N, C-alpha and C. Protein backbone atom coordinates (compact mmCIF):
# COMPACT_ATOMS: atom_id res chain seq x y z
N MET A 1 -14.36 9.36 -11.28
CA MET A 1 -13.17 10.03 -10.79
C MET A 1 -12.33 9.00 -10.04
N ARG A 2 -11.08 8.87 -10.39
CA ARG A 2 -10.17 7.93 -9.74
C ARG A 2 -9.58 8.59 -8.51
N LYS A 3 -9.41 7.76 -7.47
CA LYS A 3 -8.79 8.26 -6.24
C LYS A 3 -7.28 8.27 -6.41
N PRO A 4 -6.60 9.26 -5.82
CA PRO A 4 -5.14 9.25 -5.88
C PRO A 4 -4.61 8.07 -5.08
N LYS A 5 -3.48 7.57 -5.51
CA LYS A 5 -2.88 6.44 -4.82
C LYS A 5 -2.24 6.91 -3.52
N VAL A 6 -2.32 6.03 -2.52
CA VAL A 6 -1.62 6.27 -1.27
C VAL A 6 -0.22 5.73 -1.45
N SER A 7 0.78 6.42 -0.95
CA SER A 7 2.14 5.94 -1.10
C SER A 7 2.28 4.58 -0.43
N PRO A 8 3.22 3.74 -0.89
CA PRO A 8 3.40 2.41 -0.30
C PRO A 8 3.60 2.47 1.21
N ALA A 9 4.24 3.50 1.72
CA ALA A 9 4.45 3.61 3.16
C ALA A 9 3.13 3.75 3.91
N ASP A 10 2.10 4.25 3.23
CA ASP A 10 0.81 4.45 3.87
C ASP A 10 -0.10 3.23 3.77
N SER A 11 0.35 2.15 3.15
CA SER A 11 -0.52 1.00 3.00
C SER A 11 0.01 -0.24 3.71
N GLY A 12 1.03 -0.10 4.55
CA GLY A 12 1.64 -1.23 5.23
C GLY A 12 0.76 -1.87 6.27
N ASN A 13 0.00 -1.08 7.03
CA ASN A 13 -0.90 -1.64 8.03
C ASN A 13 -1.98 -0.61 8.36
N ALA A 14 -2.95 -1.05 9.14
CA ALA A 14 -4.08 -0.17 9.47
C ALA A 14 -3.63 1.05 10.27
N ASP A 15 -2.62 0.88 11.13
CA ASP A 15 -2.13 2.02 11.92
C ASP A 15 -1.61 3.14 11.02
N GLU A 16 -0.91 2.77 9.95
CA GLU A 16 -0.37 3.78 9.03
C GLU A 16 -1.49 4.49 8.28
N ILE A 17 -2.53 3.76 7.90
CA ILE A 17 -3.67 4.41 7.23
C ILE A 17 -4.39 5.34 8.21
N GLU A 18 -4.52 4.91 9.47
CA GLU A 18 -5.16 5.77 10.45
C GLU A 18 -4.36 7.06 10.65
N THR A 19 -3.05 6.94 10.73
CA THR A 19 -2.20 8.13 10.85
C THR A 19 -2.39 9.04 9.64
N ALA A 20 -2.40 8.46 8.45
CA ALA A 20 -2.59 9.25 7.22
C ALA A 20 -3.96 9.93 7.21
N PHE A 21 -4.99 9.24 7.70
CA PHE A 21 -6.34 9.80 7.77
C PHE A 21 -6.37 11.05 8.67
N TYR A 22 -5.81 10.93 9.87
CA TYR A 22 -5.83 12.08 10.79
C TYR A 22 -4.91 13.21 10.32
N GLU A 23 -3.81 12.88 9.67
CA GLU A 23 -2.95 13.92 9.10
C GLU A 23 -3.68 14.67 7.99
N ALA A 24 -4.43 13.94 7.16
CA ALA A 24 -5.19 14.58 6.08
C ALA A 24 -6.28 15.49 6.66
N LEU A 25 -6.94 15.05 7.75
CA LEU A 25 -7.92 15.91 8.42
C LEU A 25 -7.27 17.21 8.88
N GLN A 26 -6.10 17.08 9.51
CA GLN A 26 -5.42 18.25 10.07
C GLN A 26 -4.91 19.18 8.97
N ALA A 27 -4.59 18.61 7.81
CA ALA A 27 -4.10 19.42 6.70
C ALA A 27 -5.24 19.95 5.83
N GLY A 28 -6.45 19.42 6.03
CA GLY A 28 -7.58 19.82 5.18
C GLY A 28 -7.38 19.36 3.75
N ASP A 29 -6.74 18.21 3.56
CA ASP A 29 -6.39 17.69 2.24
C ASP A 29 -7.37 16.59 1.84
N ILE A 30 -8.36 16.93 1.03
CA ILE A 30 -9.41 15.99 0.66
C ILE A 30 -8.86 14.82 -0.15
N ASP A 31 -7.89 15.06 -1.04
CA ASP A 31 -7.36 13.96 -1.85
C ASP A 31 -6.61 12.93 -0.99
N ARG A 32 -5.80 13.41 -0.07
CA ARG A 32 -5.10 12.49 0.84
C ARG A 32 -6.08 11.75 1.74
N LEU A 33 -7.12 12.46 2.19
CA LEU A 33 -8.11 11.82 3.04
C LEU A 33 -8.85 10.72 2.28
N MET A 34 -9.30 11.00 1.08
CA MET A 34 -10.05 10.01 0.31
C MET A 34 -9.18 8.84 -0.12
N ALA A 35 -7.87 9.04 -0.24
CA ALA A 35 -6.97 7.94 -0.59
C ALA A 35 -6.87 6.91 0.52
N CYS A 36 -7.30 7.28 1.72
CA CYS A 36 -7.29 6.34 2.85
C CYS A 36 -8.46 5.37 2.80
N TRP A 37 -9.50 5.73 2.05
CA TRP A 37 -10.72 4.92 2.00
C TRP A 37 -10.61 3.80 0.98
N ALA A 38 -11.28 2.70 1.22
CA ALA A 38 -11.33 1.58 0.28
C ALA A 38 -12.12 1.99 -0.96
N ASP A 39 -11.82 1.35 -2.04
CA ASP A 39 -12.51 1.60 -3.30
C ASP A 39 -13.70 0.64 -3.39
N GLU A 40 -14.66 0.83 -2.50
CA GLU A 40 -15.85 -0.03 -2.41
C GLU A 40 -17.09 0.86 -2.45
N ASP A 41 -18.18 0.33 -2.98
CA ASP A 41 -19.42 1.10 -3.06
C ASP A 41 -20.04 1.37 -1.69
N ASP A 42 -19.87 0.46 -0.74
CA ASP A 42 -20.58 0.55 0.52
C ASP A 42 -19.74 1.05 1.69
N ILE A 43 -18.67 1.82 1.43
CA ILE A 43 -17.95 2.44 2.54
C ILE A 43 -18.91 3.39 3.25
N VAL A 44 -18.73 3.54 4.57
CA VAL A 44 -19.71 4.27 5.38
C VAL A 44 -19.00 5.24 6.31
N CYS A 45 -19.61 6.42 6.46
CA CYS A 45 -19.10 7.43 7.39
C CYS A 45 -20.28 8.07 8.11
N VAL A 46 -20.18 8.16 9.44
CA VAL A 46 -21.19 8.83 10.24
C VAL A 46 -20.48 9.85 11.11
N HIS A 47 -20.82 11.12 10.93
CA HIS A 47 -20.26 12.18 11.76
C HIS A 47 -21.19 12.40 12.96
N PRO A 48 -20.67 12.98 14.04
CA PRO A 48 -21.54 13.23 15.20
C PRO A 48 -22.81 13.96 14.79
N ASP A 49 -23.94 13.43 15.21
CA ASP A 49 -25.26 14.01 14.91
C ASP A 49 -25.53 14.13 13.42
N GLY A 50 -24.87 13.29 12.60
CA GLY A 50 -25.06 13.36 11.16
C GLY A 50 -25.75 12.14 10.60
N ALA A 51 -26.06 12.22 9.33
CA ALA A 51 -26.68 11.11 8.61
C ALA A 51 -25.62 10.06 8.27
N ARG A 52 -26.05 8.88 7.92
CA ARG A 52 -25.14 7.84 7.45
C ARG A 52 -24.80 8.16 5.99
N LEU A 53 -23.52 8.36 5.73
CA LEU A 53 -23.04 8.65 4.39
C LEU A 53 -22.52 7.35 3.79
N VAL A 54 -23.03 6.97 2.62
CA VAL A 54 -22.64 5.72 1.99
C VAL A 54 -22.04 6.03 0.63
N GLY A 55 -20.83 5.53 0.41
CA GLY A 55 -20.15 5.71 -0.87
C GLY A 55 -19.18 6.87 -0.86
N ALA A 56 -18.19 6.77 -1.73
CA ALA A 56 -17.11 7.77 -1.77
C ALA A 56 -17.62 9.17 -2.11
N GLY A 57 -18.60 9.28 -3.00
CA GLY A 57 -19.11 10.59 -3.38
C GLY A 57 -19.74 11.33 -2.21
N ALA A 58 -20.57 10.64 -1.44
CA ALA A 58 -21.23 11.26 -0.29
C ALA A 58 -20.22 11.61 0.80
N ILE A 59 -19.26 10.72 1.02
CA ILE A 59 -18.23 10.97 2.04
C ILE A 59 -17.36 12.15 1.64
N ARG A 60 -16.94 12.18 0.39
CA ARG A 60 -16.11 13.28 -0.10
C ARG A 60 -16.85 14.62 0.03
N ALA A 61 -18.11 14.65 -0.35
CA ALA A 61 -18.88 15.89 -0.30
C ALA A 61 -18.98 16.41 1.14
N ALA A 62 -19.18 15.50 2.09
CA ALA A 62 -19.28 15.92 3.50
C ALA A 62 -17.96 16.50 3.99
N PHE A 63 -16.85 15.84 3.68
CA PHE A 63 -15.55 16.35 4.11
C PHE A 63 -15.19 17.63 3.37
N ASP A 64 -15.55 17.72 2.09
CA ASP A 64 -15.33 18.97 1.34
C ASP A 64 -16.03 20.14 2.04
N ALA A 65 -17.26 19.91 2.48
CA ALA A 65 -18.02 20.96 3.17
C ALA A 65 -17.34 21.34 4.48
N MET A 66 -16.84 20.35 5.21
CA MET A 66 -16.14 20.65 6.47
C MET A 66 -14.86 21.42 6.20
N PHE A 67 -14.11 21.01 5.18
CA PHE A 67 -12.84 21.66 4.87
C PHE A 67 -13.03 23.08 4.34
N ALA A 68 -14.24 23.41 3.87
CA ALA A 68 -14.52 24.78 3.43
C ALA A 68 -14.35 25.76 4.59
N ASN A 69 -14.49 25.24 5.82
CA ASN A 69 -14.30 26.07 7.02
C ASN A 69 -12.90 25.94 7.60
N GLY A 70 -12.02 25.23 6.92
CA GLY A 70 -10.66 25.03 7.40
C GLY A 70 -10.41 23.56 7.72
N SER A 71 -9.22 23.28 8.18
CA SER A 71 -8.87 21.90 8.51
C SER A 71 -9.55 21.50 9.81
N ILE A 72 -9.49 20.21 10.11
CA ILE A 72 -10.08 19.68 11.32
C ILE A 72 -8.95 19.20 12.22
N ARG A 73 -8.76 19.89 13.31
CA ARG A 73 -7.65 19.59 14.23
C ARG A 73 -8.05 18.44 15.15
N ALA A 74 -8.12 17.22 14.58
CA ALA A 74 -8.51 16.03 15.34
C ALA A 74 -7.26 15.24 15.70
N HIS A 75 -7.20 14.83 16.95
CA HIS A 75 -6.07 14.04 17.45
C HIS A 75 -6.61 12.74 18.03
N ALA A 76 -6.18 11.62 17.47
CA ALA A 76 -6.61 10.31 17.97
C ALA A 76 -5.85 9.99 19.25
N GLU A 77 -6.59 9.64 20.28
CA GLU A 77 -5.99 9.31 21.56
C GLU A 77 -6.62 8.03 22.09
N LYS A 78 -5.91 7.35 22.95
CA LYS A 78 -6.42 6.15 23.63
C LYS A 78 -7.04 5.17 22.65
N VAL A 79 -6.28 4.76 21.66
CA VAL A 79 -6.75 3.83 20.64
C VAL A 79 -6.78 2.41 21.22
N ARG A 80 -7.89 1.74 21.05
CA ARG A 80 -8.04 0.32 21.39
C ARG A 80 -8.27 -0.42 20.08
N LYS A 81 -7.61 -1.58 19.90
CA LYS A 81 -7.68 -2.28 18.62
C LYS A 81 -8.06 -3.74 18.78
N ILE A 82 -8.81 -4.22 17.81
CA ILE A 82 -9.05 -5.64 17.63
C ILE A 82 -8.61 -5.92 16.20
N GLU A 83 -7.62 -6.81 16.05
CA GLU A 83 -7.04 -7.05 14.74
C GLU A 83 -7.13 -8.52 14.35
N THR A 84 -7.36 -8.74 13.05
CA THR A 84 -7.30 -10.07 12.46
C THR A 84 -6.42 -9.96 11.22
N LEU A 85 -6.28 -11.04 10.48
CA LEU A 85 -5.44 -10.99 9.28
C LEU A 85 -5.96 -10.01 8.24
N GLY A 86 -7.29 -9.87 8.14
CA GLY A 86 -7.85 -9.03 7.09
C GLY A 86 -8.66 -7.85 7.54
N ALA A 87 -8.79 -7.65 8.86
CA ALA A 87 -9.59 -6.53 9.36
C ALA A 87 -8.98 -5.99 10.65
N SER A 88 -9.19 -4.71 10.88
CA SER A 88 -8.74 -4.08 12.12
C SER A 88 -9.78 -3.06 12.52
N VAL A 89 -10.25 -3.16 13.77
CA VAL A 89 -11.26 -2.24 14.29
C VAL A 89 -10.60 -1.42 15.38
N HIS A 90 -10.64 -0.11 15.24
CA HIS A 90 -10.01 0.81 16.19
C HIS A 90 -11.09 1.64 16.88
N SER A 91 -11.12 1.57 18.19
CA SER A 91 -11.97 2.45 18.98
C SER A 91 -11.08 3.60 19.42
N VAL A 92 -11.45 4.81 19.04
CA VAL A 92 -10.59 5.98 19.21
C VAL A 92 -11.32 7.06 20.00
N LEU A 93 -10.64 7.64 20.95
CA LEU A 93 -11.14 8.83 21.61
C LEU A 93 -10.44 10.01 20.92
N GLU A 94 -11.22 10.85 20.27
CA GLU A 94 -10.67 11.98 19.53
C GLU A 94 -10.80 13.27 20.33
N ARG A 95 -9.73 14.02 20.33
CA ARG A 95 -9.74 15.37 20.90
C ARG A 95 -9.71 16.32 19.72
N ILE A 96 -10.74 17.15 19.61
CA ILE A 96 -10.87 18.08 18.49
C ILE A 96 -10.58 19.49 19.02
N GLU A 97 -9.64 20.16 18.39
CA GLU A 97 -9.34 21.55 18.77
C GLU A 97 -10.18 22.47 17.91
N VAL A 98 -10.95 23.30 18.57
CA VAL A 98 -11.84 24.24 17.88
C VAL A 98 -11.40 25.66 18.25
N MET A 99 -11.19 26.49 17.24
CA MET A 99 -10.82 27.88 17.50
C MET A 99 -12.10 28.71 17.69
N THR A 100 -12.15 29.43 18.79
CA THR A 100 -13.28 30.30 19.08
C THR A 100 -12.75 31.72 19.29
N GLU A 101 -13.66 32.68 19.46
CA GLU A 101 -13.23 34.05 19.73
C GLU A 101 -12.45 34.14 21.04
N GLU A 102 -12.76 33.25 21.97
CA GLU A 102 -12.06 33.23 23.26
C GLU A 102 -10.74 32.46 23.20
N GLY A 103 -10.43 31.88 22.05
CA GLY A 103 -9.22 31.08 21.91
C GLY A 103 -9.57 29.62 21.67
N PRO A 104 -8.54 28.75 21.67
CA PRO A 104 -8.81 27.34 21.36
C PRO A 104 -9.62 26.66 22.47
N ARG A 105 -10.56 25.83 22.05
CA ARG A 105 -11.36 25.00 22.95
C ARG A 105 -11.26 23.57 22.45
N HIS A 106 -11.59 22.63 23.31
CA HIS A 106 -11.54 21.24 22.91
C HIS A 106 -12.94 20.63 22.94
N ALA A 107 -13.21 19.85 21.92
CA ALA A 107 -14.42 19.04 21.86
C ALA A 107 -13.94 17.59 21.83
N TYR A 108 -14.80 16.69 22.21
CA TYR A 108 -14.40 15.28 22.28
C TYR A 108 -15.36 14.44 21.47
N VAL A 109 -14.80 13.46 20.79
CA VAL A 109 -15.56 12.57 19.93
C VAL A 109 -15.10 11.15 20.20
N ILE A 110 -16.04 10.22 20.23
CA ILE A 110 -15.72 8.81 20.34
C ILE A 110 -15.95 8.22 18.95
N ALA A 111 -14.91 7.63 18.38
CA ALA A 111 -15.01 7.14 17.00
C ALA A 111 -14.61 5.67 16.91
N THR A 112 -15.20 5.01 15.92
CA THR A 112 -14.80 3.66 15.55
C THR A 112 -14.37 3.71 14.10
N ASN A 113 -13.14 3.27 13.85
CA ASN A 113 -12.60 3.19 12.50
C ASN A 113 -12.38 1.72 12.16
N VAL A 114 -12.93 1.31 11.02
CA VAL A 114 -12.80 -0.08 10.59
C VAL A 114 -11.98 -0.12 9.31
N TYR A 115 -10.95 -0.97 9.31
CA TYR A 115 -10.04 -1.11 8.18
C TYR A 115 -10.10 -2.53 7.65
N HIS A 116 -10.03 -2.67 6.32
CA HIS A 116 -9.93 -3.98 5.69
C HIS A 116 -8.65 -4.02 4.87
N LYS A 117 -8.08 -5.19 4.78
CA LYS A 117 -6.93 -5.38 3.90
C LYS A 117 -7.48 -5.64 2.51
N THR A 118 -7.16 -4.76 1.58
CA THR A 118 -7.67 -4.84 0.21
C THR A 118 -6.52 -5.11 -0.75
N ALA A 119 -6.84 -5.21 -2.02
CA ALA A 119 -5.80 -5.39 -3.04
C ALA A 119 -4.85 -4.19 -3.07
N GLN A 120 -5.31 -3.02 -2.63
CA GLN A 120 -4.48 -1.81 -2.59
C GLN A 120 -3.77 -1.66 -1.25
N GLY A 121 -3.93 -2.60 -0.35
CA GLY A 121 -3.37 -2.51 1.00
C GLY A 121 -4.49 -2.21 1.98
N TRP A 122 -4.14 -1.86 3.19
CA TRP A 122 -5.13 -1.56 4.21
C TRP A 122 -5.86 -0.27 3.86
N ARG A 123 -7.19 -0.29 4.01
CA ARG A 123 -7.99 0.89 3.71
C ARG A 123 -9.15 0.98 4.70
N LEU A 124 -9.59 2.21 4.92
CA LEU A 124 -10.72 2.51 5.79
C LEU A 124 -12.01 2.13 5.07
N VAL A 125 -12.90 1.40 5.76
CA VAL A 125 -14.20 1.05 5.18
C VAL A 125 -15.35 1.66 5.98
N ALA A 126 -15.08 2.07 7.23
CA ALA A 126 -16.13 2.70 8.04
C ALA A 126 -15.50 3.62 9.08
N HIS A 127 -16.10 4.79 9.24
CA HIS A 127 -15.73 5.74 10.29
C HIS A 127 -17.04 6.18 10.91
N HIS A 128 -17.22 5.89 12.20
CA HIS A 128 -18.46 6.25 12.89
C HIS A 128 -18.07 7.05 14.13
N ALA A 129 -18.52 8.28 14.20
CA ALA A 129 -18.14 9.18 15.29
C ALA A 129 -19.38 9.66 16.04
N SER A 130 -19.27 9.67 17.36
CA SER A 130 -20.35 10.12 18.24
C SER A 130 -19.83 11.24 19.13
N PRO A 131 -20.71 12.17 19.51
CA PRO A 131 -20.26 13.22 20.42
C PRO A 131 -19.80 12.62 21.74
N GLY A 132 -18.80 13.23 22.32
CA GLY A 132 -18.30 12.80 23.62
C GLY A 132 -18.18 14.00 24.54
N THR A 133 -17.71 13.75 25.73
CA THR A 133 -17.46 14.81 26.70
C THR A 133 -16.08 14.56 27.30
N PRO A 134 -15.52 15.53 28.00
CA PRO A 134 -14.22 15.29 28.64
C PRO A 134 -14.23 14.05 29.54
N ARG A 135 -15.38 13.71 30.10
CA ARG A 135 -15.46 12.54 30.96
C ARG A 135 -15.08 11.27 30.20
N GLU A 136 -15.46 11.18 28.90
CA GLU A 136 -15.12 10.00 28.12
C GLU A 136 -13.62 9.86 27.91
N MET A 137 -12.89 10.95 28.06
CA MET A 137 -11.44 10.86 27.90
C MET A 137 -10.84 10.04 29.05
N GLN A 138 -11.58 9.91 30.13
CA GLN A 138 -11.18 9.02 31.22
C GLN A 138 -11.87 7.70 30.95
N GLU A 139 -11.16 6.78 30.38
CA GLU A 139 -11.72 5.51 29.93
C GLU A 139 -12.27 4.69 31.09
N ILE A 140 -13.43 4.09 30.86
CA ILE A 140 -14.03 3.18 31.83
C ILE A 140 -13.80 1.77 31.32
N SER A 141 -13.17 0.96 32.13
CA SER A 141 -12.83 -0.39 31.70
C SER A 141 -12.94 -1.35 32.88
N ASP A 142 -13.26 -2.61 32.59
CA ASP A 142 -13.27 -3.59 33.66
C ASP A 142 -11.92 -4.29 33.79
N SER A 143 -10.97 -3.89 32.94
CA SER A 143 -9.61 -4.45 33.04
C SER A 143 -8.87 -3.80 34.20
N PRO A 144 -8.21 -4.59 35.02
CA PRO A 144 -7.45 -3.99 36.12
C PRO A 144 -6.27 -3.18 35.60
N GLN A 145 -6.00 -2.06 36.25
CA GLN A 145 -4.86 -1.25 35.87
C GLN A 145 -3.64 -1.75 36.61
N VAL A 146 -2.54 -1.85 35.90
CA VAL A 146 -1.29 -2.32 36.48
C VAL A 146 -0.39 -1.11 36.72
N LEU A 147 0.09 -0.98 37.92
CA LEU A 147 0.99 0.12 38.25
C LEU A 147 2.40 -0.42 38.36
N HIS A 148 3.33 0.23 37.71
CA HIS A 148 4.75 -0.16 37.78
C HIS A 148 5.58 1.02 38.19
């Protein structure tokens, strides 16, 4: 099965692919989501408390199962990046909106997204997410904060 092409606007840099990835999650659009991934055998995805998923088929099946319950209201916040000419690693604090009987609640996830520059443009090669708490939304850093 061939993956749908990502529009040229979505392949300009890793930030654009990350935006497309989270928009696809929020829309519950499996084809758009999978178009963000590299066409490599060893792409990897780890969901909180989940197994390591290797390859497009395993990753697609996991997201298909999640989308069966609706879209995933994930919002990337506090992105930290390390970039080179051919790779970009993003440490992301995700705020997940979950609908409950009592109304919307928030869950927190700490994720690492790894992008490589491929022949098709920038693509996701790894997404690793761990459970977080609201405390993680307050970043701990040894960098001094500058007030202006």
